[in-house]
Amino acid sequence: MSIAQDAIAEKLVEPGTAREIRERAGMSQARIAAELDVWPNTVQRWETGVSRPRGGLRLRYARLLAEINDLQPAA
């Protein structure tokens, strides 16, 4: 991803947006967690805004959400 794409992807990490993308793709929190090598309850905390991913994990999460979002047909 380019720097501009990474900046756009970062916006997808917002809790409500992240959950919407995951649910629209029909993916479970466990599946997202497995992709990122974290516990499912970690993804749940991110999606509810209780905590936020940090550092490289935040960027990996943003990129994963961007990829999932790009695969979804336009509404």
PDB file of N, CA and C in Angstrom:
ATOM      1  N   MET A   1       0.842  -1.187   0.000  1.00  0.00           N
ATOM      2  CA  MET A   1       0.000   0.000   0.000  1.00  0.00           C
ATOM      3  C   MET A   1       0.882   1.243   0.000  1.00  0.00           C
ATOM      4  N   SER A   2       0.373   2.269  -0.635  1.00  0.00           N
ATOM      5  CA  SER A   2       1.082   3.537  -0.644  1.00  0.00           C
ATOM      6  C   SER A   2       0.803   4.289   0.662  1.00  0.00           C
ATOM      7  N   ILE A   3       1.514   5.360   0.866  1.00  0.00           N
ATOM      8  CA  ILE A   3       1.292   6.183   2.059  1.00  0.00           C
ATOM      9  C   ILE A   3      -0.132   6.733   2.063  1.00  0.00           C
ATOM     10  N   ALA A   4      -0.619   7.144   0.892  1.00  0.00           N
ATOM     11  CA  ALA A   4      -1.986   7.670   0.805  1.00  0.00           C
ATOM     12  C   ALA A   4      -3.000   6.580   1.126  1.00  0.00           C
ATOM     13  N   GLN A   5      -2.779   5.367   0.626  1.00  0.00           N
ATOM     14  CA  GLN A   5      -3.683   4.263   0.924  1.00  0.00           C
ATOM     15  C   GLN A   5      -3.660   3.919   2.403  1.00  0.00           C
ATOM     16  N   ASP A   6      -2.464   3.966   3.011  1.00  0.00           N
ATOM     17  CA  ASP A   6      -2.365   3.707   4.447  1.00  0.00           C
ATOM     18  C   ASP A   6      -3.137   4.750   5.242  1.00  0.00           C
ATOM     19  N   ALA A   7      -3.096   5.998   4.814  1.00  0.00           N
ATOM     20  CA  ALA A   7      -3.831   7.061   5.509  1.00  0.00           C
ATOM     21  C   ALA A   7      -5.326   6.813   5.428  1.00  0.00           C
ATOM     22  N   ILE A   8      -5.802   6.386   4.277  1.00  0.00           N
ATOM     23  CA  ILE A   8      -7.223   6.083   4.118  1.00  0.00           C
ATOM     24  C   ILE A   8      -7.588   4.874   4.971  1.00  0.00           C
ATOM     25  N   ALA A   9      -6.738   3.852   4.948  1.00  0.00           N
ATOM     26  CA  ALA A   9      -6.994   2.634   5.718  1.00  0.00           C
ATOM     27  C   ALA A   9      -7.079   2.937   7.207  1.00  0.00           C
ATOM     28  N   GLU A  10      -6.279   3.858   7.686  1.00  0.00           N
ATOM     29  CA  GLU A  10      -6.296   4.216   9.108  1.00  0.00           C
ATOM     30  C   GLU A  10      -7.683   4.653   9.557  1.00  0.00           C
ATOM     31  N   LYS A  11      -8.430   5.308   8.691  1.00  0.00           N
ATOM     32  CA  LYS A  11      -9.776   5.775   9.039  1.00  0.00           C
ATOM     33  C   LYS A  11     -10.734   4.610   9.247  1.00  0.00           C
ATOM     34  N   LEU A  12     -10.437   3.459   8.648  1.00  0.00           N
ATOM     35  CA  LEU A  12     -11.309   2.295   8.769  1.00  0.00           C
ATOM     36  C   LEU A  12     -11.243   1.665  10.151  1.00  0.00           C
ATOM     37  N   VAL A  13     -10.244   2.022  10.921  1.00  0.00           N
ATOM     38  CA  VAL A  13     -10.061   1.438  12.248  1.00  0.00           C
ATOM     39  C   VAL A  13     -11.059   1.998  13.250  1.00  0.00           C
ATOM     40  N   GLU A  14     -11.798   3.030  12.886  1.00  0.00           N
ATOM     41  CA  GLU A  14     -12.804   3.574  13.795  1.00  0.00           C
ATOM     42  C   GLU A  14     -13.755   2.445  14.186  1.00  0.00           C
ATOM     43  N   PRO A  15     -14.084   2.327  15.481  1.00  0.00           N
ATOM     44  CA  PRO A  15     -14.852   1.176  15.969  1.00  0.00           C
ATOM     45  C   PRO A  15     -16.107   0.835  15.183  1.00  0.00           C
ATOM     46  N   GLY A  16     -16.983   1.780  14.961  1.00  0.00           N
ATOM     47  CA  GLY A  16     -18.227   1.486  14.253  1.00  0.00           C
ATOM     48  C   GLY A  16     -17.981   1.077  12.814  1.00  0.00           C
ATOM     49  N   THR A  17     -17.036   1.728  12.167  1.00  0.00           N
ATOM     50  CA  THR A  17     -16.711   1.417  10.780  1.00  0.00           C
ATOM     51  C   THR A  17     -16.112   0.027  10.670  1.00  0.00           C
ATOM     52  N   ALA A  18     -15.197  -0.296  11.566  1.00  0.00           N
ATOM     53  CA  ALA A  18     -14.540  -1.603  11.543  1.00  0.00           C
ATOM     54  C   ALA A  18     -15.567  -2.727  11.689  1.00  0.00           C
ATOM     55  N   ARG A  19     -16.461  -2.574  12.611  1.00  0.00           N
ATOM     56  CA  ARG A  19     -17.479  -3.613  12.830  1.00  0.00           C
ATOM     57  C   ARG A  19     -18.390  -3.750  11.614  1.00  0.00           C
ATOM     58  N   GLU A  20     -18.778  -2.623  11.051  1.00  0.00           N
ATOM     59  CA  GLU A  20     -19.654  -2.636   9.876  1.00  0.00           C
ATOM     60  C   GLU A  20     -18.985  -3.377   8.715  1.00  0.00           C
ATOM     61  N   ILE A  21     -17.721  -3.113   8.482  1.00  0.00           N
ATOM     62  CA  ILE A  21     -16.987  -3.777   7.405  1.00  0.00           C
ATOM     63  C   ILE A  21     -16.929  -5.276   7.652  1.00  0.00           C
ATOM     64  N   ARG A  22     -16.587  -5.659   8.867  1.00  0.00           N
ATOM     65  CA  ARG A  22     -16.478  -7.084   9.205  1.00  0.00           C
ATOM     66  C   ARG A  22     -17.820  -7.786   9.029  1.00  0.00           C
ATOM     67  N   GLU A  23     -18.872  -7.191   9.555  1.00  0.00           N
ATOM     68  CA  GLU A  23     -20.190  -7.818   9.475  1.00  0.00           C
ATOM     69  C   GLU A  23     -20.695  -7.897   8.036  1.00  0.00           C
ATOM     70  N   ARG A  24     -20.471  -6.866   7.261  1.00  0.00           N
ATOM     71  CA  ARG A  24     -20.903  -6.856   5.860  1.00  0.00           C
ATOM     72  C   ARG A  24     -20.204  -7.970   5.073  1.00  0.00           C
ATOM     73  N   ALA A  25     -18.971  -8.280   5.465  1.00  0.00           N
ATOM     74  CA  ALA A  25     -18.207  -9.344   4.814  1.00  0.00           C
ATOM     75  C   ALA A  25     -18.576 -10.723   5.344  1.00  0.00           C
ATOM     76  N   GLY A  26     -19.408 -10.754   6.405  1.00  0.00           N
ATOM     77  CA  GLY A  26     -19.811 -12.035   6.979  1.00  0.00           C
ATOM     78  C   GLY A  26     -18.690 -12.711   7.753  1.00  0.00           C
ATOM     79  N   MET A  27     -17.772 -11.924   8.272  1.00  0.00           N
ATOM     80  CA  MET A  27     -16.639 -12.475   9.013  1.00  0.00           C
ATOM     81  C   MET A  27     -16.870 -12.356  10.516  1.00  0.00           C
ATOM     82  N   SER A  28     -16.375 -13.322  11.246  1.00  0.00           N
ATOM     83  CA  SER A  28     -16.484 -13.289  12.705  1.00  0.00           C
ATOM     84  C   SER A  28     -15.303 -12.529  13.305  1.00  0.00           C
ATOM     85  N   GLN A  29     -15.487 -12.122  14.543  1.00  0.00           N
ATOM     86  CA  GLN A  29     -14.375 -11.506  15.267  1.00  0.00           C
ATOM     87  C   GLN A  29     -13.231 -12.509  15.414  1.00  0.00           C
ATOM     88  N   ALA A  30     -13.572 -13.777  15.562  1.00  0.00           N
ATOM     89  CA  ALA A  30     -12.540 -14.818  15.692  1.00  0.00           C
ATOM     90  C   ALA A  30     -11.695 -14.915  14.423  1.00  0.00           C
ATOM     91  N   ARG A  31     -12.331 -14.758  13.277  1.00  0.00           N
ATOM     92  CA  ARG A  31     -11.585 -14.831  12.010  1.00  0.00           C
ATOM     93  C   ARG A  31     -10.636 -13.649  11.874  1.00  0.00           C
ATOM     94  N   ILE A  32     -11.104 -12.461  12.216  1.00  0.00           N
ATOM     95  CA  ILE A  32     -10.245 -11.272  12.181  1.00  0.00           C
ATOM     96  C   ILE A  32      -9.085 -11.464  13.155  1.00  0.00           C
ATOM     97  N   ALA A  33      -9.408 -11.946  14.355  1.00  0.00           N
ATOM     98  CA  ALA A  33      -8.380 -12.170  15.369  1.00  0.00           C
ATOM     99  C   ALA A  33      -7.322 -13.153  14.879  1.00  0.00           C
ATOM    100  N   ALA A  34      -7.755 -14.224  14.228  1.00  0.00           N
ATOM    101  CA  ALA A  34      -6.806 -15.223  13.720  1.00  0.00           C
ATOM    102  C   ALA A  34      -5.890 -14.610  12.668  1.00  0.00           C
ATOM    103  N   GLU A  35      -6.437 -13.765  11.825  1.00  0.00           N
ATOM    104  CA  GLU A  35      -5.628 -13.100  10.787  1.00  0.00           C
ATOM    105  C   GLU A  35      -4.546 -12.210  11.400  1.00  0.00           C
ATOM    106  N   LEU A  36      -4.863 -11.627  12.558  1.00  0.00           N
ATOM    107  CA  LEU A  36      -3.942 -10.682  13.203  1.00  0.00           C
ATOM    108  C   LEU A  36      -3.156 -11.296  14.352  1.00  0.00           C
ATOM    109  N   ASP A  37      -3.443 -12.568  14.659  1.00  0.00           N
ATOM    110  CA  ASP A  37      -2.782 -13.281  15.746  1.00  0.00           C
ATOM    111  C   ASP A  37      -3.024 -12.600  17.101  1.00  0.00           C
ATOM    112  N   VAL A  38      -4.304 -12.275  17.341  1.00  0.00           N
ATOM    113  CA  VAL A  38      -4.732 -11.728  18.633  1.00  0.00           C
ATOM    114  C   VAL A  38      -5.946 -12.534  19.098  1.00  0.00           C
ATOM    115  N   TRP A  39      -6.380 -12.310  20.321  1.00  0.00           N
ATOM    116  CA  TRP A  39      -7.561 -12.988  20.859  1.00  0.00           C
ATOM    117  C   TRP A  39      -8.826 -12.336  20.314  1.00  0.00           C
ATOM    118  N   PRO A  40      -9.898 -13.111  20.122  1.00  0.00           N
ATOM    119  CA  PRO A  40     -11.164 -12.524  19.645  1.00  0.00           C
ATOM    120  C   PRO A  40     -11.690 -11.407  20.545  1.00  0.00           C
ATOM    121  N   ASN A  41     -11.487 -11.528  21.844  1.00  0.00           N
ATOM    122  CA  ASN A  41     -11.980 -10.451  22.713  1.00  0.00           C
ATOM    123  C   ASN A  41     -11.202  -9.149  22.493  1.00  0.00           C
ATOM    124  N   THR A  42      -9.997  -9.248  21.959  1.00  0.00           N
ATOM    125  CA  THR A  42      -9.244  -8.041  21.609  1.00  0.00           C
ATOM    126  C   THR A  42      -9.953  -7.311  20.478  1.00  0.00           C
ATOM    127  N   VAL A  43     -10.374  -8.043  19.467  1.00  0.00           N
ATOM    128  CA  VAL A  43     -11.116  -7.445  18.348  1.00  0.00           C
ATOM    129  C   VAL A  43     -12.424  -6.849  18.857  1.00  0.00           C
ATOM    130  N   GLN A  44     -13.081  -7.551  19.761  1.00  0.00           N
ATOM    131  CA  GLN A  44     -14.328  -7.031  20.342  1.00  0.00           C
ATOM    132  C   GLN A  44     -14.072  -5.689  21.033  1.00  0.00           C
ATOM    133  N   ARG A  45     -12.999  -5.585  21.793  1.00  0.00           N
ATOM    134  CA  ARG A  45     -12.682  -4.316  22.480  1.00  0.00           C
ATOM    135  C   ARG A  45     -12.380  -3.205  21.489  1.00  0.00           C
ATOM    136  N   TRP A  46     -11.712  -3.540  20.391  1.00  0.00           N
ATOM    137  CA  TRP A  46     -11.456  -2.526  19.363  1.00  0.00           C
ATOM    138  C   TRP A  46     -12.762  -2.049  18.751  1.00  0.00           C
ATOM    139  N   GLU A  47     -13.653  -2.985  18.446  1.00  0.00           N
ATOM    140  CA  GLU A  47     -14.901  -2.625  17.779  1.00  0.00           C
ATOM    141  C   GLU A  47     -15.867  -1.857  18.672  1.00  0.00           C
ATOM    142  N   THR A  48     -15.735  -2.008  19.960  1.00  0.00           N
ATOM    143  CA  THR A  48     -16.602  -1.265  20.874  1.00  0.00           C
ATOM    144  C   THR A  48     -15.946   0.019  21.366  1.00  0.00           C
ATOM    145  N   GLY A  49     -14.695   0.232  20.995  1.00  0.00           N
ATOM    146  CA  GLY A  49     -13.986   1.444  21.385  1.00  0.00           C
ATOM    147  C   GLY A  49     -13.404   1.406  22.780  1.00  0.00           C
ATOM    148  N   VAL A  50     -13.434   0.233  23.432  1.00  0.00           N
ATOM    149  CA  VAL A  50     -12.867   0.102  24.778  1.00  0.00           C
ATOM    150  C   VAL A  50     -11.350   0.279  24.726  1.00  0.00           C
ATOM    151  N   SER A  51     -10.737  -0.240  23.664  1.00  0.00           N
ATOM    152  CA  SER A  51      -9.297  -0.068  23.462  1.00  0.00           C
ATOM    153  C   SER A  51      -9.042   0.117  21.978  1.00  0.00           C
ATOM    154  N   ARG A  52      -7.811   0.432  21.629  1.00  0.00           N
ATOM    155  CA  ARG A  52      -7.430   0.672  20.239  1.00  0.00           C
ATOM    156  C   ARG A  52      -6.167  -0.122  19.920  1.00  0.00           C
ATOM    157  N   PRO A  53      -6.052  -0.651  18.701  1.00  0.00           N
ATOM    158  CA  PRO A  53      -4.789  -1.284  18.323  1.00  0.00           C
ATOM    159  C   PRO A  53      -3.708  -0.212  18.218  1.00  0.00           C
ATOM    160  N   ARG A  54      -2.481  -0.612  18.490  1.00  0.00           N
ATOM    161  CA  ARG A  54      -1.382   0.354  18.477  1.00  0.00           C
ATOM    162  C   ARG A  54      -0.262  -0.103  17.551  1.00  0.00           C
ATOM    163  N   GLY A  55       0.522   0.855  17.133  1.00  0.00           N
ATOM    164  CA  GLY A  55       1.724   0.579  16.371  1.00  0.00           C
ATOM    165  C   GLY A  55       1.473  -0.224  15.103  1.00  0.00           C
ATOM    166  N   GLY A  56       2.344  -1.207  14.893  1.00  0.00           N
ATOM    167  CA  GLY A  56       2.257  -2.028  13.697  1.00  0.00           C
ATOM    168  C   GLY A  56       0.961  -2.808  13.616  1.00  0.00           C
ATOM    169  N   LEU A  57       0.421  -3.178  14.760  1.00  0.00           N
ATOM    170  CA  LEU A  57      -0.837  -3.920  14.774  1.00  0.00           C
ATOM    171  C   LEU A  57      -1.978  -3.046  14.261  1.00  0.00           C
ATOM    172  N   ARG A  58      -1.949  -1.778  14.594  1.00  0.00           N
ATOM    173  CA  ARG A  58      -2.978  -0.847  14.102  1.00  0.00           C
ATOM    174  C   ARG A  58      -2.925  -0.773  12.581  1.00  0.00           C
ATOM    175  N   LEU A  59      -1.726  -0.699  12.032  1.00  0.00           N
ATOM    176  CA  LEU A  59      -1.593  -0.621  10.587  1.00  0.00           C
ATOM    177  C   LEU A  59      -2.022  -1.933   9.927  1.00  0.00           C
ATOM    178  N   ARG A  60      -1.661  -3.076  10.502  1.00  0.00           N
ATOM    179  CA  ARG A  60      -2.085  -4.371   9.959  1.00  0.00           C
ATOM    180  C   ARG A  60      -3.610  -4.496   9.980  1.00  0.00           C
ATOM    181  N   TYR A  61      -4.222  -4.062  11.078  1.00  0.00           N
ATOM    182  CA  TYR A  61      -5.686  -4.105  11.211  1.00  0.00           C
ATOM    183  C   TYR A  61      -6.323  -3.202  10.156  1.00  0.00           C
ATOM    184  N   ALA A  62      -5.797  -2.007  10.001  1.00  0.00           N
ATOM    185  CA  ALA A  62      -6.329  -1.070   9.016  1.00  0.00           C
ATOM    186  C   ALA A  62      -6.200  -1.635   7.612  1.00  0.00           C
ATOM    187  N   ARG A  63      -5.062  -2.228   7.304  1.00  0.00           N
ATOM    188  CA  ARG A  63      -4.871  -2.804   5.974  1.00  0.00           C
ATOM    189  C   ARG A  63      -5.814  -3.979   5.736  1.00  0.00           C
ATOM    190  N   LEU A  64      -5.997  -4.821   6.752  1.00  0.00           N
ATOM    191  CA  LEU A  64      -6.917  -5.952   6.625  1.00  0.00           C
ATOM    192  C   LEU A  64      -8.335  -5.451   6.369  1.00  0.00           C
ATOM    193  N   LEU A  65      -8.763  -4.458   7.122  1.00  0.00           N
ATOM    194  CA  LEU A  65     -10.103  -3.898   6.922  1.00  0.00           C
ATOM    195  C   LEU A  65     -10.240  -3.285   5.528  1.00  0.00           C
ATOM    196  N   ALA A  66      -9.194  -2.623   5.061  1.00  0.00           N
ATOM    197  CA  ALA A  66      -9.224  -2.019   3.731  1.00  0.00           C
ATOM    198  C   ALA A  66      -9.360  -3.094   2.661  1.00  0.00           C
ATOM    199  N   GLU A  67      -8.635  -4.188   2.821  1.00  0.00           N
ATOM    200  CA  GLU A  67      -8.716  -5.287   1.856  1.00  0.00           C
ATOM    201  C   GLU A  67     -10.123  -5.900   1.863  1.00  0.00           C
ATOM    202  N   ILE A  68     -10.651  -6.134   3.057  1.00  0.00           N
ATOM    203  CA  ILE A  68     -11.998  -6.699   3.160  1.00  0.00           C
ATOM    204  C   ILE A  68     -13.017  -5.748   2.539  1.00  0.00           C
ATOM    205  N   ASN A  69     -12.888  -4.471   2.839  1.00  0.00           N
ATOM    206  CA  ASN A  69     -13.815  -3.463   2.318  1.00  0.00           C
ATOM    207  C   ASN A  69     -13.748  -3.395   0.792  1.00  0.00           C
ATOM    208  N   ASP A  70     -12.552  -3.486   0.238  1.00  0.00           N
ATOM    209  CA  ASP A  70     -12.392  -3.414  -1.218  1.00  0.00           C
ATOM    210  C   ASP A  70     -13.010  -4.630  -1.916  1.00  0.00           C
ATOM    211  N   LEU A  71     -13.116  -5.744  -1.214  1.00  0.00           N
ATOM    212  CA  LEU A  71     -13.677  -6.944  -1.809  1.00  0.00           C
ATOM    213  C   LEU A  71     -15.205  -6.940  -1.822  1.00  0.00           C
ATOM    214  N   GLN A  72     -15.802  -6.027  -1.066  1.00  0.00           N
ATOM    215  CA  GLN A  72     -17.267  -5.978  -0.946  1.00  0.00           C
ATOM    216  C   GLN A  72     -17.866  -5.180  -2.094  1.00  0.00           C
ATOM    217  N   PRO A  73     -18.983  -5.673  -2.643  1.00  0.00           N
ATOM    218  CA  PRO A  73     -19.654  -4.905  -3.702  1.00  0.00           C
ATOM    219  C   PRO A  73     -20.212  -3.598  -3.146  1.00  0.00           C
ATOM    220  N   ALA A  74     -20.290  -2.616  -3.978  1.00  0.00           N
ATOM    221  CA  ALA A  74     -20.834  -1.313  -3.557  1.00  0.00           C
ATOM    222  C   ALA A  74     -22.289  -1.480  -3.163  1.00  0.00           C
ATOM    223  N   ALA A  75     -22.678  -0.739  -2.121  1.00  0.00           N
ATOM    224  CA  ALA A  75     -24.065  -0.832  -1.615  1.00  0.00           C
ATOM    225  C   ALA A  75     -25.025  -0.111  -2.507  1.00  0.00           C
TER     226      ALA A  75
END
